């Protein structure tokens, strides 16, 4: 049975590329109206146009998720456009690759601000709106398998991704009385712009491929069905979960 999100409104932060665009496209394909919050306006316009070409409904909002004022304004613009928000995917994030002994406090704080502070601001804004409406909702925080594995040269990234899992689970407990579900999604190694540095290294690509039981890297479309599932309003008992989609990498 396919998921029907007709009449629902979803926000996807960082939804103009990579996994975020795969999620946004999936939700729109299931019938949801989708607001893409991101900083790059050109990429967002292209993403919205692509979704519209496939018959979906989408709207782009320029938003720096580290800026509280931007997040507040983006939420209001989305409500003005679509009337409400039922679903939030907190997906926006960055990565940096720096040997730990050379990592600066400025770089550490940059990654923390976007990956963790941004998720806090966006999930708080969504929760405030959902609680005030009194009709429940779904929050999904996109983490990473780096939350479970050591990530050399990416300690800041891994630390944020582990914290996001805890945030998702803690929200599940506090927001359950308001019929708001909160779950975490942990993607595996995926072919996106963020992974370009690794994808250029044939030896590294081969190592990851051999280590993954599915014997390939993921692509954004691999997260389409699970995104629609996590947004499904009929799944009222599914909250506080941590779902890994990685081709079996974590169990090998």
Protein backbone atom coordinates (compact mmCIF):
# COMPACT_ATOMS: atom_id res chain seq x y z
CA UNK A 1 0.00 0.00 0.00
CA UNK A 2 1.47 3.35 -1.02
CA UNK A 3 1.63 6.25 1.42
CA UNK A 4 -0.92 9.00 0.81
CA UNK A 5 0.19 12.41 2.07
CA UNK A 6 -2.51 14.38 0.26
CA UNK A 7 -3.47 17.48 2.23
CA UNK A 8 -0.29 17.38 4.31
CA UNK A 9 2.39 20.07 4.36
CA UNK A 10 6.05 19.16 4.80
CA UNK A 11 9.20 21.18 5.41
CA UNK A 12 12.54 19.75 4.32
CA UNK A 13 15.59 21.72 5.41
CA UNK A 14 18.47 21.40 2.99
CA UNK A 15 15.93 19.98 0.58
CA UNK A 16 17.46 21.41 -2.58
CA UNK A 17 20.07 18.71 -3.14
CA UNK A 18 21.34 15.27 -2.22
CA UNK A 19 19.39 13.23 0.31
CA UNK A 20 17.23 16.24 1.15
CA UNK A 21 16.04 16.59 -2.44
CA UNK A 22 15.34 12.86 -2.56
CA UNK A 23 13.18 13.24 0.54
CA UNK A 24 11.40 16.35 -0.75
CA UNK A 25 10.67 14.68 -4.08
CA UNK A 26 9.31 11.59 -2.35
CA UNK A 27 6.98 13.57 -0.09
CA UNK A 28 5.70 15.62 -3.03
CA UNK A 29 5.21 12.44 -5.04
CA UNK A 30 3.06 11.07 -2.21
CA UNK A 31 0.84 14.15 -2.40
CA UNK A 32 2.30 16.51 0.21
CA UNK A 33 2.90 20.19 -0.41
CA UNK A 34 6.61 20.69 0.29
CA UNK A 35 8.50 23.75 1.51
CA UNK A 36 12.23 23.56 0.82
CA UNK A 37 14.26 25.60 3.29
CA UNK A 38 17.83 26.25 2.15
CA UNK A 39 20.40 28.99 1.64
CA UNK A 40 21.18 28.52 -2.06
CA UNK A 41 18.26 30.13 -3.84
CA UNK A 42 19.30 29.02 -7.33
CA UNK A 43 19.48 25.36 -6.27
CA UNK A 44 16.15 25.69 -4.50
CA UNK A 45 14.48 27.12 -7.61
CA UNK A 46 15.82 24.22 -9.65
CA UNK A 47 14.60 21.73 -7.05
CA UNK A 48 11.11 23.24 -7.01
CA UNK A 49 10.98 23.26 -10.79
CA UNK A 50 12.00 19.61 -10.94
CA UNK A 51 9.32 18.61 -8.45
CA UNK A 52 6.72 20.63 -10.36
CA UNK A 53 7.69 18.91 -13.63
CA UNK A 54 6.82 15.60 -11.99
CA UNK A 55 3.44 16.91 -10.88
CA UNK A 56 4.36 17.78 -7.30
CA UNK A 57 3.75 20.95 -5.34
CA UNK A 58 6.76 22.71 -3.80
CA UNK A 59 7.78 26.14 -2.55
CA UNK A 60 11.28 27.49 -1.84
CA UNK A 61 12.15 29.57 1.20
CA UNK A 62 15.60 31.06 1.71
CA UNK A 63 16.65 30.08 5.23
CA UNK A 64 19.91 29.94 7.16
CA UNK A 65 19.04 27.35 9.79
CA UNK A 66 21.63 28.77 12.19
CA UNK A 67 19.76 32.09 12.31
CA UNK A 68 16.82 32.10 14.71
CA UNK A 69 15.18 34.99 12.88
CA UNK A 70 15.49 33.22 9.53
CA UNK A 71 13.89 30.06 10.93
CA UNK A 72 11.00 32.01 12.46
CA UNK A 73 10.47 33.86 9.18
CA UNK A 74 10.68 30.66 7.12
CA UNK A 75 8.04 29.02 9.28
CA UNK A 76 5.74 32.00 8.86
CA UNK A 77 6.30 32.10 5.09
CA UNK A 78 5.47 28.41 4.86
CA UNK A 79 2.29 28.84 6.90
CA UNK A 80 1.32 31.85 4.79
CA UNK A 81 1.83 29.78 1.63
CA UNK A 82 0.30 26.47 2.68
CA UNK A 83 -1.68 27.25 5.84
CA UNK A 84 0.12 24.87 8.21
CA UNK A 85 3.02 22.48 8.70
CA UNK A 86 2.38 18.79 9.45
CA UNK A 87 5.81 17.31 8.79
CA UNK A 88 9.38 18.46 9.32
CA UNK A 89 12.52 16.76 8.04
CA UNK A 90 15.51 18.40 9.75
CA UNK A 91 18.05 17.46 7.12
CA UNK A 92 20.31 20.50 6.59
CA UNK A 93 23.93 19.81 7.39
CA UNK A 94 27.55 20.18 6.37
CA UNK A 95 30.70 18.16 6.72
CA UNK A 96 34.34 19.10 7.05
CA UNK A 97 37.36 16.79 6.87
CA UNK A 98 40.28 17.96 9.00
CA UNK A 99 42.83 16.03 11.09
CA UNK A 100 41.77 16.43 14.71
CA UNK A 101 45.10 17.92 15.79
CA UNK A 102 44.62 20.67 13.22
CA UNK A 103 40.90 21.27 13.78
CA UNK A 104 40.12 24.83 14.80
CA UNK A 105 37.48 25.96 17.24
CA UNK A 106 35.95 28.05 14.46
CA UNK A 107 35.52 24.98 12.26
CA UNK A 108 34.12 22.95 15.17
CA UNK A 109 31.59 25.68 15.90
CA UNK A 110 30.60 26.03 12.25
CA UNK A 111 29.67 22.36 12.01
CA UNK A 112 27.91 22.44 15.38
CA UNK A 113 25.95 25.55 14.41
CA UNK A 114 24.56 24.15 11.16
CA UNK A 115 24.10 20.49 12.05
CA UNK A 116 22.98 20.74 15.66
CA UNK A 117 21.86 24.30 16.43
CA UNK A 118 20.03 24.35 13.10
CA UNK A 119 18.16 21.16 13.92
CA UNK A 120 17.26 22.55 17.34
CA UNK A 121 15.88 25.79 15.92
CA UNK A 122 13.90 24.08 13.16
CA UNK A 123 12.45 21.29 15.28
CA UNK A 124 11.52 23.79 18.00
CA UNK A 125 9.73 26.03 15.49
CA UNK A 126 7.87 23.05 14.03
CA UNK A 127 6.95 21.68 17.45
CA UNK A 128 5.68 25.04 18.64
CA UNK A 129 3.43 25.31 15.59
CA UNK A 130 2.22 21.71 15.81
CA UNK A 131 1.42 21.95 19.52
CA UNK A 132 -0.45 25.22 19.00
CA UNK A 133 -2.52 23.67 16.18
CA UNK A 134 -3.33 20.64 18.30
CA UNK A 135 -3.49 18.22 15.36
CA UNK A 136 -0.24 16.33 15.88
CA UNK A 137 2.52 15.93 13.33
CA UNK A 138 5.74 14.18 12.41
CA UNK A 139 9.33 15.27 13.00
CA UNK A 140 12.19 13.37 11.38
CA UNK A 141 15.81 14.25 12.11
CA UNK A 142 18.35 13.10 9.54
CA UNK A 143 21.45 11.86 11.33
CA UNK A 144 24.12 9.52 9.88
CA UNK A 145 25.76 6.18 10.53
CA UNK A 146 28.64 8.34 11.77
CA UNK A 147 26.60 8.54 14.97
CA UNK A 148 27.54 4.87 15.51
CA UNK A 149 31.05 4.64 14.07
CA UNK A 150 34.29 6.37 14.76
CA UNK A 151 34.80 9.10 12.17
CA UNK A 152 38.46 10.13 11.95
CA UNK A 153 39.01 13.71 10.76
CA UNK A 154 35.27 14.31 11.20
CA UNK A 155 34.86 14.36 14.97
CA UNK A 156 32.70 17.49 14.85
CA UNK A 157 30.40 15.95 12.24
CA UNK A 158 30.08 12.65 14.10
CA UNK A 159 29.44 14.42 17.41
CA UNK A 160 26.54 16.37 15.90
CA UNK A 161 25.06 13.27 14.33
CA UNK A 162 25.14 11.36 17.62
CA UNK A 163 23.53 14.33 19.36
CA UNK A 164 20.77 14.41 16.75
CA UNK A 165 19.77 10.85 17.59
CA UNK A 166 19.43 11.83 21.23
CA UNK A 167 17.45 14.92 20.26
CA UNK A 168 15.02 12.88 18.17
CA UNK A 169 14.43 10.36 20.95
CA UNK A 170 14.02 13.05 23.60
CA UNK A 171 11.48 14.90 21.46
CA UNK A 172 9.56 11.65 20.99
CA UNK A 173 9.05 11.39 24.74
CA UNK A 174 8.11 15.01 25.38
CA UNK A 175 5.91 15.53 22.34
CA UNK A 176 4.01 12.24 22.40
CA UNK A 177 1.16 13.69 24.53
CA UNK A 178 0.62 16.19 21.69
CA UNK A 179 0.41 13.36 19.12
CA UNK A 180 3.66 14.49 17.53
CA UNK A 181 5.97 11.68 16.48
CA UNK A 182 9.76 12.08 16.34
CA UNK A 183 12.15 9.64 14.69
CA UNK A 184 15.74 9.65 13.45
CA UNK A 185 16.93 8.51 10.02
CA UNK A 186 20.54 7.35 9.64
CA UNK A 187 21.70 7.22 6.01
CA UNK A 188 24.79 5.29 5.01
CA UNK A 189 27.45 6.17 2.46
CA UNK A 190 25.58 8.00 -0.30
CA UNK A 191 26.50 9.53 -3.64
CA UNK A 192 25.87 13.24 -3.03
CA UNK A 193 27.80 16.48 -3.43
CA UNK A 194 28.83 16.24 0.22
CA UNK A 195 30.61 12.97 -0.57
CA UNK A 196 32.45 14.26 -3.66
CA UNK A 197 35.83 14.20 -1.89
CA UNK A 198 35.44 10.49 -1.16
CA UNK A 199 33.87 9.65 -4.51
CA UNK A 200 36.97 11.03 -6.24
CA UNK A 201 39.08 8.43 -4.41
CA UNK A 202 38.57 5.15 -6.29
CA UNK A 203 40.33 3.11 -3.63
CA UNK A 204 38.10 4.51 -0.89
CA UNK A 205 34.97 3.96 -2.99
CA UNK A 206 35.98 0.34 -3.55
CA UNK A 207 36.67 -0.22 0.16
CA UNK A 208 33.23 1.09 1.15
CA UNK A 209 31.54 -0.90 -1.62
CA UNK A 210 33.17 -4.15 -0.51
CA UNK A 211 32.32 -3.39 3.13
CA UNK A 212 28.63 -2.86 2.26
CA UNK A 213 26.60 -6.08 1.85
CA UNK A 214 24.48 -4.43 -0.87
CA UNK A 215 27.78 -3.92 -2.75
CA UNK A 216 27.07 -0.35 -3.77
CA UNK A 217 26.82 3.17 -2.42
CA UNK A 218 23.43 4.64 -1.74
CA UNK A 219 21.73 7.26 -3.92
CA UNK A 220 19.19 9.88 -2.80
CA UNK A 221 16.32 7.83 -4.24
CA UNK A 222 17.10 5.08 -1.72
CA UNK A 223 15.55 7.27 1.00
CA UNK A 224 12.31 8.03 -0.83
CA UNK A 225 10.12 5.23 0.48
CA UNK A 226 11.35 5.47 4.07
CA UNK A 227 10.78 9.23 4.07
CA UNK A 228 7.17 8.83 2.99
CA UNK A 229 6.73 6.09 5.59
CA UNK A 230 8.07 8.24 8.41
CA UNK A 231 5.72 11.06 7.37
CA UNK A 232 2.63 8.82 7.22
CA UNK A 233 0.03 10.28 9.62
CA UNK A 234 -1.63 6.90 10.14
CA UNK A 235 1.44 5.50 11.95
CA UNK A 236 0.46 7.03 15.28
CA UNK A 237 2.33 4.44 17.40
CA UNK A 238 5.70 4.77 15.67
CA UNK A 239 7.89 7.24 17.51
CA UNK A 240 11.30 7.34 19.17
CA UNK A 241 12.79 5.05 16.54
CA UNK A 242 16.23 5.19 14.93
CA UNK A 243 16.08 3.80 11.39
CA UNK A 244 19.26 2.96 9.52
CA UNK A 245 19.28 2.78 5.71
CA UNK A 246 22.82 1.87 4.68
CA UNK A 247 22.82 -1.27 2.54
CA UNK A 248 23.78 -3.34 5.57
CA UNK A 249 27.02 -1.44 6.31
CA UNK A 250 26.44 -1.28 10.07
CA UNK A 251 25.80 -5.01 10.48
CA UNK A 252 28.70 -6.27 8.37
